Amino acid sequence: MDPATVKLAGAPVATQGRGTPMTSVADLNRDGRLDLLLHFRTQDLQLTPASTEAVLKGKTFSGQLIRGTDSIRLVP
């Protein structure tokens, strides 16, 4: 996945320094496959107190669209 194209609930991947996306790669769930970890700034998420779902959208480096959703519960 191309981190420059990813948005979670309308928020882009957080950046550091000269606009470098905040990402890392590791086997987070210990299934033997590398996972892409992306960081987002909570204040950039376009969610309301009534939101019950968050959508992640992006593209692979070859241009394939990716979309995922999951249920959420916001805690003040």
N, C-alpha and C. Protein backbone atom coordinates (compact mmCIF):
# COMPACT_ATOMS: atom_id res chain seq x y z
N MET A 1 0.85 -1.17 0.00
CA MET A 1 0.00 0.00 0.00
C MET A 1 0.89 1.23 0.00
N ASP A 2 0.49 2.23 -0.75
CA ASP A 2 1.24 3.48 -0.83
C ASP A 2 0.77 4.40 0.29
N PRO A 3 1.56 4.61 1.34
CA PRO A 3 1.13 5.43 2.48
C PRO A 3 0.70 6.85 2.10
N ALA A 4 1.23 7.37 1.01
CA ALA A 4 0.85 8.74 0.59
C ALA A 4 -0.60 8.81 0.12
N THR A 5 -1.22 7.68 -0.17
CA THR A 5 -2.60 7.68 -0.67
C THR A 5 -3.61 7.27 0.39
N VAL A 6 -3.15 6.87 1.56
CA VAL A 6 -4.05 6.30 2.58
C VAL A 6 -4.72 7.38 3.41
N LYS A 7 -6.01 7.16 3.66
CA LYS A 7 -6.77 8.03 4.57
C LYS A 7 -7.61 7.13 5.46
N LEU A 8 -7.66 7.47 6.74
CA LEU A 8 -8.51 6.80 7.71
C LEU A 8 -9.51 7.83 8.21
N ALA A 9 -10.78 7.57 7.98
CA ALA A 9 -11.83 8.52 8.37
C ALA A 9 -11.49 9.93 7.86
N GLY A 10 -10.98 10.00 6.64
CA GLY A 10 -10.66 11.28 6.01
C GLY A 10 -9.31 11.86 6.39
N ALA A 11 -8.61 11.27 7.34
CA ALA A 11 -7.32 11.79 7.81
C ALA A 11 -6.17 11.11 7.07
N PRO A 12 -5.21 11.91 6.58
CA PRO A 12 -4.05 11.31 5.94
C PRO A 12 -3.09 10.71 6.96
N VAL A 13 -2.19 9.88 6.49
CA VAL A 13 -1.14 9.33 7.36
C VAL A 13 -0.34 10.50 7.93
N ALA A 14 -0.06 10.47 9.22
CA ALA A 14 0.73 11.52 9.87
C ALA A 14 2.13 11.54 9.26
N THR A 15 2.73 12.72 9.25
CA THR A 15 4.07 12.86 8.70
C THR A 15 5.01 13.44 9.74
N GLN A 16 6.31 13.27 9.45
CA GLN A 16 7.34 13.82 10.32
C GLN A 16 8.42 14.44 9.45
N GLY A 17 9.24 15.25 10.04
CA GLY A 17 10.37 15.84 9.31
C GLY A 17 9.93 16.56 8.06
N ARG A 18 10.44 16.14 6.93
CA ARG A 18 10.13 16.79 5.65
C ARG A 18 8.96 16.12 4.94
N GLY A 19 7.95 15.76 5.69
CA GLY A 19 6.77 15.15 5.10
C GLY A 19 6.85 13.66 4.94
N THR A 20 7.77 13.02 5.64
CA THR A 20 7.91 11.57 5.57
C THR A 20 6.76 10.91 6.32
N PRO A 21 5.98 10.01 5.65
CA PRO A 21 4.88 9.34 6.34
C PRO A 21 5.39 8.53 7.53
N MET A 22 4.65 8.58 8.63
CA MET A 22 5.00 7.82 9.83
C MET A 22 4.49 6.39 9.68
N THR A 23 5.39 5.51 9.28
CA THR A 23 5.04 4.11 9.04
C THR A 23 6.14 3.21 9.59
N SER A 24 5.78 1.96 9.76
CA SER A 24 6.78 0.94 10.07
C SER A 24 6.25 -0.39 9.57
N VAL A 25 7.14 -1.35 9.44
CA VAL A 25 6.78 -2.68 8.97
C VAL A 25 7.29 -3.69 9.99
N ALA A 26 6.40 -4.56 10.45
CA ALA A 26 6.75 -5.59 11.43
C ALA A 26 5.67 -6.66 11.43
N ASP A 27 5.98 -7.83 11.93
CA ASP A 27 4.99 -8.89 12.07
C ASP A 27 4.27 -8.67 13.40
N LEU A 28 3.28 -7.79 13.38
CA LEU A 28 2.60 -7.37 14.60
C LEU A 28 1.74 -8.46 15.23
N ASN A 29 1.14 -9.31 14.41
CA ASN A 29 0.25 -10.34 14.95
C ASN A 29 0.89 -11.73 14.94
N ARG A 30 2.18 -11.77 14.68
CA ARG A 30 2.98 -13.00 14.73
C ARG A 30 2.43 -14.13 13.86
N ASP A 31 1.98 -13.76 12.64
CA ASP A 31 1.50 -14.77 11.70
C ASP A 31 2.53 -15.10 10.63
N GLY A 32 3.74 -14.55 10.76
CA GLY A 32 4.79 -14.82 9.79
C GLY A 32 4.78 -13.89 8.60
N ARG A 33 3.84 -12.96 8.56
CA ARG A 33 3.75 -11.99 7.46
C ARG A 33 4.00 -10.59 8.01
N LEU A 34 4.69 -9.78 7.21
CA LEU A 34 4.94 -8.41 7.63
C LEU A 34 3.66 -7.59 7.51
N ASP A 35 3.42 -6.73 8.49
CA ASP A 35 2.26 -5.84 8.52
C ASP A 35 2.75 -4.41 8.37
N LEU A 36 1.94 -3.58 7.72
CA LEU A 36 2.24 -2.16 7.56
C LEU A 36 1.52 -1.40 8.67
N LEU A 37 2.25 -0.72 9.51
CA LEU A 37 1.69 0.07 10.60
C LEU A 37 1.72 1.53 10.17
N LEU A 38 0.55 2.17 10.17
CA LEU A 38 0.42 3.58 9.79
C LEU A 38 -0.04 4.37 11.00
N HIS A 39 0.47 5.59 11.14
CA HIS A 39 0.09 6.45 12.25
C HIS A 39 -0.79 7.59 11.74
N PHE A 40 -1.84 7.91 12.51
CA PHE A 40 -2.75 9.00 12.17
C PHE A 40 -2.89 9.90 13.39
N ARG A 41 -3.08 11.18 13.15
CA ARG A 41 -3.32 12.12 14.24
C ARG A 41 -4.82 12.10 14.56
N THR A 42 -5.15 11.84 15.80
CA THR A 42 -6.57 11.70 16.16
C THR A 42 -7.36 12.96 15.84
N GLN A 43 -6.74 14.13 15.98
CA GLN A 43 -7.46 15.38 15.71
C GLN A 43 -7.78 15.55 14.22
N ASP A 44 -7.13 14.77 13.34
CA ASP A 44 -7.40 14.86 11.91
C ASP A 44 -8.52 13.92 11.46
N LEU A 45 -8.91 12.99 12.31
CA LEU A 45 -9.98 12.06 11.95
C LEU A 45 -11.30 12.82 11.82
N GLN A 46 -12.02 12.56 10.75
CA GLN A 46 -13.30 13.23 10.52
C GLN A 46 -14.43 12.34 11.05
N LEU A 47 -14.52 12.33 12.36
CA LEU A 47 -15.52 11.52 13.05
C LEU A 47 -16.35 12.42 13.96
N THR A 48 -17.57 12.01 14.22
CA THR A 48 -18.43 12.74 15.16
C THR A 48 -18.70 11.83 16.35
N PRO A 49 -19.24 12.38 17.44
CA PRO A 49 -19.56 11.52 18.59
C PRO A 49 -20.53 10.39 18.24
N ALA A 50 -21.31 10.58 17.17
CA ALA A 50 -22.27 9.56 16.76
C ALA A 50 -21.67 8.54 15.79
N SER A 51 -20.42 8.71 15.39
CA SER A 51 -19.80 7.79 14.43
C SER A 51 -19.69 6.38 15.01
N THR A 52 -20.04 5.40 14.19
CA THR A 52 -19.96 4.00 14.62
C THR A 52 -19.09 3.17 13.68
N GLU A 53 -18.54 3.81 12.64
CA GLU A 53 -17.72 3.11 11.66
C GLU A 53 -16.62 4.04 11.15
N ALA A 54 -15.46 3.47 10.89
CA ALA A 54 -14.35 4.22 10.29
C ALA A 54 -13.96 3.49 9.00
N VAL A 55 -13.64 4.28 7.97
CA VAL A 55 -13.28 3.74 6.66
C VAL A 55 -11.82 4.08 6.37
N LEU A 56 -11.08 3.09 5.91
CA LEU A 56 -9.70 3.28 5.46
C LEU A 56 -9.69 3.09 3.95
N LYS A 57 -9.10 4.06 3.23
CA LYS A 57 -9.00 3.98 1.78
C LYS A 57 -7.57 4.27 1.36
N GLY A 58 -7.16 3.69 0.25
CA GLY A 58 -5.83 3.95 -0.28
C GLY A 58 -5.61 3.19 -1.57
N LYS A 59 -4.38 3.23 -2.05
CA LYS A 59 -4.00 2.54 -3.27
C LYS A 59 -2.70 1.79 -3.04
N THR A 60 -2.54 0.70 -3.77
CA THR A 60 -1.27 0.01 -3.78
C THR A 60 -0.32 0.80 -4.67
N PHE A 61 0.95 0.45 -4.65
CA PHE A 61 1.91 1.13 -5.52
C PHE A 61 1.60 0.89 -7.00
N SER A 62 0.86 -0.17 -7.30
CA SER A 62 0.48 -0.43 -8.70
C SER A 62 -0.84 0.23 -9.08
N GLY A 63 -1.47 0.95 -8.12
CA GLY A 63 -2.68 1.70 -8.42
C GLY A 63 -3.98 1.02 -8.06
N GLN A 64 -3.92 -0.20 -7.49
CA GLN A 64 -5.14 -0.90 -7.11
C GLN A 64 -5.77 -0.22 -5.89
N LEU A 65 -7.07 0.05 -5.96
CA LEU A 65 -7.78 0.67 -4.85
C LEU A 65 -7.99 -0.33 -3.72
N ILE A 66 -7.86 0.15 -2.49
CA ILE A 66 -8.10 -0.66 -1.30
C ILE A 66 -9.05 0.11 -0.40
N ARG A 67 -10.01 -0.62 0.18
CA ARG A 67 -10.98 0.00 1.09
C ARG A 67 -11.30 -1.00 2.18
N GLY A 68 -11.32 -0.53 3.41
CA GLY A 68 -11.67 -1.37 4.55
C GLY A 68 -12.50 -0.58 5.54
N THR A 69 -13.37 -1.25 6.25
CA THR A 69 -14.19 -0.59 7.27
C THR A 69 -14.17 -1.42 8.54
N ASP A 70 -14.42 -0.75 9.65
CA ASP A 70 -14.58 -1.47 10.91
C ASP A 70 -15.45 -0.62 11.81
N SER A 71 -16.11 -1.28 12.74
CA SER A 71 -16.94 -0.57 13.70
C SER A 71 -16.03 0.06 14.75
N ILE A 72 -16.48 1.20 15.28
CA ILE A 72 -15.72 1.93 16.28
C ILE A 72 -16.66 2.39 17.39
N ARG A 73 -16.07 2.71 18.52
CA ARG A 73 -16.80 3.35 19.62
C ARG A 73 -15.89 4.45 20.15
N LEU A 74 -16.34 5.68 20.03
CA LEU A 74 -15.54 6.81 20.50
C LEU A 74 -15.72 6.99 21.99
N VAL A 75 -14.61 7.18 22.67
CA VAL A 75 -14.62 7.39 24.12
C VAL A 75 -14.10 8.79 24.39
N PRO A 76 -14.92 9.64 25.00
CA PRO A 76 -14.49 11.03 25.25
C PRO A 76 -13.34 11.11 26.24
